[in-house]
Amino acid sequence: MDTKELREIYPPLKVGSQREFDRYMNQLNVWQSQQNRPFLDKLREISRKRELIGVQIEGLKANLKALKIEALDIEQEQKAINRLCHDLKHEMIELNPIGSYPSE
């Protein structure tokens, strides 16, 4: 319903009593509530969907943190292997300096 139609159904009037004023205002309020109900329902639905997405986002953030920790653990294992290999190589170099063995 557009503005013109609404004004035709509920034109502002000069009324003769408080009862007529209250009746007019009550009818307009009822119409307004009925018109707003689908919007309120849709807004509630949107709000619910947003909350569900928020829950999903929090779950994804938790997954990202878990993956970060897993990656850090792997990097730590790599560092341990690399340190050991570095130490072994260094010891090999110290035990076998250049020129310490006959040429082949």
N, C-alpha and C. Protein backbone atom coordinates (compact mmCIF):
# COMPACT_ATOMS: atom_id res chain seq x y z
N MET A 1 0.85 -1.17 0.00
CA MET A 1 0.00 0.00 0.00
C MET A 1 0.90 1.24 0.00
N ASP A 2 0.56 2.20 -0.85
CA ASP A 2 1.36 3.41 -0.90
C ASP A 2 0.78 4.48 0.01
N THR A 3 1.47 5.59 0.07
CA THR A 3 1.08 6.69 0.97
C THR A 3 -0.32 7.19 0.67
N LYS A 4 -0.64 7.33 -0.62
CA LYS A 4 -1.96 7.85 -1.01
C LYS A 4 -3.07 6.91 -0.52
N GLU A 5 -2.89 5.62 -0.73
CA GLU A 5 -3.90 4.65 -0.30
C GLU A 5 -4.07 4.66 1.22
N LEU A 6 -2.96 4.75 1.93
CA LEU A 6 -3.03 4.78 3.39
C LEU A 6 -3.77 6.02 3.86
N ARG A 7 -3.48 7.15 3.24
CA ARG A 7 -4.17 8.39 3.62
C ARG A 7 -5.66 8.32 3.30
N GLU A 8 -6.05 7.57 2.27
CA GLU A 8 -7.46 7.41 1.94
C GLU A 8 -8.17 6.57 3.00
N ILE A 9 -7.48 5.51 3.49
CA ILE A 9 -8.08 4.64 4.50
C ILE A 9 -8.07 5.29 5.88
N TYR A 10 -6.96 5.95 6.22
CA TYR A 10 -6.81 6.59 7.53
C TYR A 10 -6.49 8.07 7.38
N PRO A 11 -7.47 8.84 6.88
CA PRO A 11 -7.18 10.28 6.74
C PRO A 11 -7.18 10.94 8.12
N PRO A 12 -6.26 11.86 8.36
CA PRO A 12 -6.31 12.59 9.63
C PRO A 12 -7.63 13.37 9.70
N LEU A 13 -8.30 13.27 10.82
CA LEU A 13 -9.62 13.88 10.98
C LEU A 13 -9.68 14.72 12.25
N LYS A 14 -10.59 15.63 12.26
CA LYS A 14 -10.96 16.33 13.49
C LYS A 14 -12.08 15.49 14.09
N VAL A 15 -11.84 14.94 15.28
CA VAL A 15 -12.83 14.06 15.90
C VAL A 15 -13.54 14.80 17.03
N GLY A 16 -14.67 14.24 17.40
CA GLY A 16 -15.50 14.90 18.39
C GLY A 16 -15.30 14.41 19.81
N SER A 17 -14.53 13.31 19.97
CA SER A 17 -14.37 12.79 21.34
C SER A 17 -13.05 12.05 21.46
N GLN A 18 -12.67 11.85 22.72
CA GLN A 18 -11.45 11.09 23.00
C GLN A 18 -11.59 9.65 22.52
N ARG A 19 -12.81 9.12 22.63
CA ARG A 19 -13.08 7.74 22.20
C ARG A 19 -12.81 7.60 20.69
N GLU A 20 -13.31 8.55 19.89
CA GLU A 20 -13.07 8.50 18.44
C GLU A 20 -11.58 8.63 18.14
N PHE A 21 -10.90 9.52 18.85
CA PHE A 21 -9.46 9.70 18.67
C PHE A 21 -8.73 8.38 18.98
N ASP A 22 -9.07 7.79 20.13
CA ASP A 22 -8.43 6.54 20.54
C ASP A 22 -8.70 5.42 19.54
N ARG A 23 -9.93 5.35 19.03
CA ARG A 23 -10.29 4.32 18.05
C ARG A 23 -9.46 4.48 16.78
N TYR A 24 -9.37 5.72 16.27
CA TYR A 24 -8.57 5.99 15.07
C TYR A 24 -7.11 5.57 15.30
N MET A 25 -6.54 6.02 16.41
CA MET A 25 -5.13 5.73 16.71
C MET A 25 -4.91 4.22 16.88
N ASN A 26 -5.84 3.56 17.53
CA ASN A 26 -5.74 2.12 17.73
C ASN A 26 -5.79 1.38 16.39
N GLN A 27 -6.71 1.75 15.51
CA GLN A 27 -6.82 1.10 14.20
C GLN A 27 -5.54 1.32 13.38
N LEU A 28 -5.01 2.53 13.43
CA LEU A 28 -3.78 2.82 12.70
C LEU A 28 -2.61 2.02 13.28
N ASN A 29 -2.56 1.92 14.60
CA ASN A 29 -1.51 1.13 15.24
C ASN A 29 -1.60 -0.35 14.87
N VAL A 30 -2.83 -0.88 14.81
CA VAL A 30 -3.03 -2.28 14.42
C VAL A 30 -2.54 -2.48 13.00
N TRP A 31 -2.95 -1.57 12.09
CA TRP A 31 -2.50 -1.68 10.69
C TRP A 31 -0.98 -1.63 10.61
N GLN A 32 -0.40 -0.67 11.33
CA GLN A 32 1.06 -0.51 11.32
C GLN A 32 1.75 -1.78 11.82
N SER A 33 1.24 -2.36 12.90
CA SER A 33 1.81 -3.59 13.44
C SER A 33 1.72 -4.73 12.43
N GLN A 34 0.59 -4.84 11.77
CA GLN A 34 0.42 -5.90 10.77
C GLN A 34 1.39 -5.72 9.60
N GLN A 35 1.59 -4.48 9.20
CA GLN A 35 2.50 -4.21 8.10
C GLN A 35 3.96 -4.48 8.48
N ASN A 36 4.27 -4.22 9.73
CA ASN A 36 5.65 -4.40 10.19
C ASN A 36 6.00 -5.85 10.52
N ARG A 37 5.02 -6.67 10.78
CA ARG A 37 5.27 -8.05 11.20
C ARG A 37 6.18 -8.81 10.23
N PRO A 38 5.94 -8.78 8.91
CA PRO A 38 6.86 -9.51 8.01
C PRO A 38 8.29 -8.97 8.08
N PHE A 39 8.42 -7.66 8.25
CA PHE A 39 9.77 -7.07 8.36
C PHE A 39 10.46 -7.54 9.63
N LEU A 40 9.71 -7.55 10.73
CA LEU A 40 10.28 -8.00 11.99
C LEU A 40 10.69 -9.47 11.91
N ASP A 41 9.84 -10.27 11.27
CA ASP A 41 10.18 -11.69 11.10
C ASP A 41 11.45 -11.85 10.27
N LYS A 42 11.54 -11.09 9.19
CA LYS A 42 12.72 -11.17 8.32
C LYS A 42 13.97 -10.69 9.07
N LEU A 43 13.84 -9.61 9.84
CA LEU A 43 14.98 -9.11 10.61
C LEU A 43 15.44 -10.12 11.65
N ARG A 44 14.49 -10.81 12.28
CA ARG A 44 14.85 -11.86 13.24
C ARG A 44 15.58 -13.00 12.54
N GLU A 45 15.09 -13.35 11.34
CA GLU A 45 15.73 -14.42 10.57
C GLU A 45 17.16 -14.01 10.18
N ILE A 46 17.32 -12.78 9.74
CA ILE A 46 18.65 -12.28 9.38
C ILE A 46 19.56 -12.28 10.60
N SER A 47 19.04 -11.83 11.72
CA SER A 47 19.83 -11.81 12.95
C SER A 47 20.27 -13.21 13.34
N ARG A 48 19.37 -14.15 13.23
CA ARG A 48 19.70 -15.55 13.55
C ARG A 48 20.79 -16.08 12.62
N LYS A 49 20.65 -15.80 11.33
CA LYS A 49 21.67 -16.24 10.38
C LYS A 49 23.02 -15.60 10.68
N ARG A 50 23.00 -14.33 11.05
CA ARG A 50 24.26 -13.64 11.39
C ARG A 50 24.91 -14.28 12.60
N GLU A 51 24.10 -14.64 13.59
CA GLU A 51 24.64 -15.29 14.79
C GLU A 51 25.24 -16.66 14.44
N LEU A 52 24.55 -17.40 13.57
CA LEU A 52 25.07 -18.70 13.15
C LEU A 52 26.39 -18.54 12.40
N ILE A 53 26.47 -17.54 11.56
CA ILE A 53 27.72 -17.27 10.85
C ILE A 53 28.81 -16.89 11.84
N GLY A 54 28.44 -16.12 12.86
CA GLY A 54 29.40 -15.77 13.91
C GLY A 54 29.95 -17.01 14.61
N VAL A 55 29.06 -17.96 14.88
CA VAL A 55 29.48 -19.22 15.51
C VAL A 55 30.44 -19.97 14.57
N GLN A 56 30.09 -20.00 13.29
CA GLN A 56 30.96 -20.66 12.32
C GLN A 56 32.32 -19.97 12.25
N ILE A 57 32.31 -18.65 12.27
CA ILE A 57 33.58 -17.89 12.23
C ILE A 57 34.43 -18.23 13.44
N GLU A 58 33.81 -18.28 14.61
CA GLU A 58 34.56 -18.63 15.82
C GLU A 58 35.14 -20.03 15.71
N GLY A 59 34.37 -20.95 15.13
CA GLY A 59 34.86 -22.31 14.92
C GLY A 59 36.04 -22.31 13.96
N LEU A 60 35.93 -21.53 12.89
CA LEU A 60 37.03 -21.45 11.93
C LEU A 60 38.28 -20.82 12.56
N LYS A 61 38.06 -19.81 13.41
CA LYS A 61 39.20 -19.20 14.10
C LYS A 61 39.90 -20.22 15.00
N ALA A 62 39.10 -21.03 15.67
CA ALA A 62 39.68 -22.07 16.52
C ALA A 62 40.46 -23.07 15.67
N ASN A 63 39.91 -23.43 14.51
CA ASN A 63 40.62 -24.34 13.60
C ASN A 63 41.93 -23.72 13.13
N LEU A 64 41.90 -22.44 12.81
CA LEU A 64 43.12 -21.76 12.38
C LEU A 64 44.18 -21.78 13.48
N LYS A 65 43.75 -21.54 14.71
CA LYS A 65 44.70 -21.57 15.83
C LYS A 65 45.30 -22.96 16.00
N ALA A 66 44.46 -23.99 15.87
CA ALA A 66 44.94 -25.36 16.00
C ALA A 66 45.95 -25.68 14.89
N LEU A 67 45.65 -25.21 13.67
CA LEU A 67 46.58 -25.44 12.56
C LEU A 67 47.89 -24.69 12.77
N LYS A 68 47.80 -23.50 13.33
CA LYS A 68 49.01 -22.72 13.61
C LYS A 68 49.89 -23.47 14.62
N ILE A 69 49.26 -24.00 15.64
CA ILE A 69 50.00 -24.76 16.65
C ILE A 69 50.62 -26.00 16.03
N GLU A 70 49.86 -26.69 15.18
CA GLU A 70 50.38 -27.88 14.50
C GLU A 70 51.58 -27.52 13.63
N ALA A 71 51.48 -26.41 12.90
CA ALA A 71 52.59 -25.96 12.05
C ALA A 71 53.81 -25.60 12.89
N LEU A 72 53.58 -24.95 14.03
CA LEU A 72 54.70 -24.61 14.92
C LEU A 72 55.39 -25.87 15.44
N ASP A 73 54.61 -26.88 15.77
CA ASP A 73 55.18 -28.16 16.22
C ASP A 73 56.04 -28.79 15.13
N ILE A 74 55.55 -28.76 13.91
CA ILE A 74 56.31 -29.32 12.79
C ILE A 74 57.60 -28.53 12.58
N GLU A 75 57.50 -27.21 12.63
CA GLU A 75 58.69 -26.37 12.47
C GLU A 75 59.71 -26.67 13.57
N GLN A 76 59.22 -26.91 14.76
CA GLN A 76 60.11 -27.23 15.88
C GLN A 76 60.83 -28.56 15.62
N GLU A 77 60.10 -29.54 15.09
CA GLU A 77 60.72 -30.82 14.75
C GLU A 77 61.77 -30.62 13.66
N GLN A 78 61.45 -29.80 12.66
CA GLN A 78 62.41 -29.51 11.59
C GLN A 78 63.68 -28.88 12.16
N LYS A 79 63.49 -27.93 13.06
CA LYS A 79 64.65 -27.25 13.65
C LYS A 79 65.51 -28.24 14.41
N ALA A 80 64.90 -29.15 15.11
CA ALA A 80 65.66 -30.15 15.86
C ALA A 80 66.47 -31.02 14.90
N ILE A 81 65.84 -31.47 13.81
CA ILE A 81 66.55 -32.27 12.81
C ILE A 81 67.69 -31.46 12.18
N ASN A 82 67.39 -30.21 11.83
CA ASN A 82 68.40 -29.37 11.19
C ASN A 82 69.57 -29.09 12.13
N ARG A 83 69.28 -28.86 13.41
CA ARG A 83 70.37 -28.65 14.38
C ARG A 83 71.25 -29.89 14.49
N LEU A 84 70.63 -31.05 14.59
CA LEU A 84 71.38 -32.30 14.68
C LEU A 84 72.24 -32.50 13.44
N CYS A 85 71.66 -32.31 12.26
CA CYS A 85 72.43 -32.48 11.02
C CYS A 85 73.56 -31.46 10.94
N HIS A 86 73.29 -30.24 11.36
CA HIS A 86 74.33 -29.21 11.36
C HIS A 86 75.48 -29.63 12.28
N ASP A 87 75.13 -30.09 13.48
CA ASP A 87 76.17 -30.52 14.43
C ASP A 87 76.97 -31.69 13.86
N LEU A 88 76.29 -32.67 13.25
CA LEU A 88 76.98 -33.82 12.67
C LEU A 88 77.92 -33.39 11.54
N LYS A 89 77.45 -32.50 10.70
CA LYS A 89 78.28 -32.00 9.60
C LYS A 89 79.51 -31.26 10.15
N HIS A 90 79.27 -30.43 11.18
CA HIS A 90 80.37 -29.67 11.79
C HIS A 90 81.41 -30.63 12.39
N GLU A 91 80.92 -31.66 13.09
CA GLU A 91 81.85 -32.65 13.66
C GLU A 91 82.62 -33.38 12.56
N MET A 92 81.95 -33.72 11.46
CA MET A 92 82.62 -34.38 10.33
C MET A 92 83.71 -33.48 9.76
N ILE A 93 83.41 -32.20 9.63
CA ILE A 93 84.40 -31.26 9.10
C ILE A 93 85.59 -31.16 10.02
N GLU A 94 85.33 -31.09 11.33
CA GLU A 94 86.43 -30.99 12.29
C GLU A 94 87.28 -32.26 12.30
N LEU A 95 86.65 -33.42 12.16
CA LEU A 95 87.38 -34.69 12.15
C LEU A 95 88.11 -34.95 10.83
N ASN A 96 87.65 -34.27 9.79
CA ASN A 96 88.21 -34.53 8.46
C ASN A 96 88.58 -33.21 7.77
N PRO A 97 89.56 -32.50 8.27
CA PRO A 97 89.93 -31.25 7.62
C PRO A 97 90.43 -31.48 6.20
N ILE A 98 90.32 -30.45 5.40
CA ILE A 98 90.78 -30.55 4.02
C ILE A 98 92.26 -30.91 4.03
N GLY A 99 92.63 -31.86 3.20
CA GLY A 99 94.01 -32.28 3.04
C GLY A 99 94.45 -33.30 4.08
N SER A 100 93.55 -33.80 4.89
CA SER A 100 93.95 -34.75 5.92
C SER A 100 93.93 -36.19 5.41
N TYR A 101 93.50 -36.41 4.19
CA TYR A 101 93.47 -37.76 3.68
C TYR A 101 94.00 -37.75 2.24
N PRO A 102 94.53 -38.90 1.80
CA PRO A 102 95.13 -38.92 0.47
C PRO A 102 94.09 -38.66 -0.62
N SER A 103 94.54 -38.05 -1.71
CA SER A 103 93.67 -37.78 -2.86
C SER A 103 93.32 -39.06 -3.57
N GLU A 104 92.20 -39.08 -4.14
CA GLU A 104 91.79 -40.27 -4.88
C GLU A 104 92.02 -40.10 -6.33
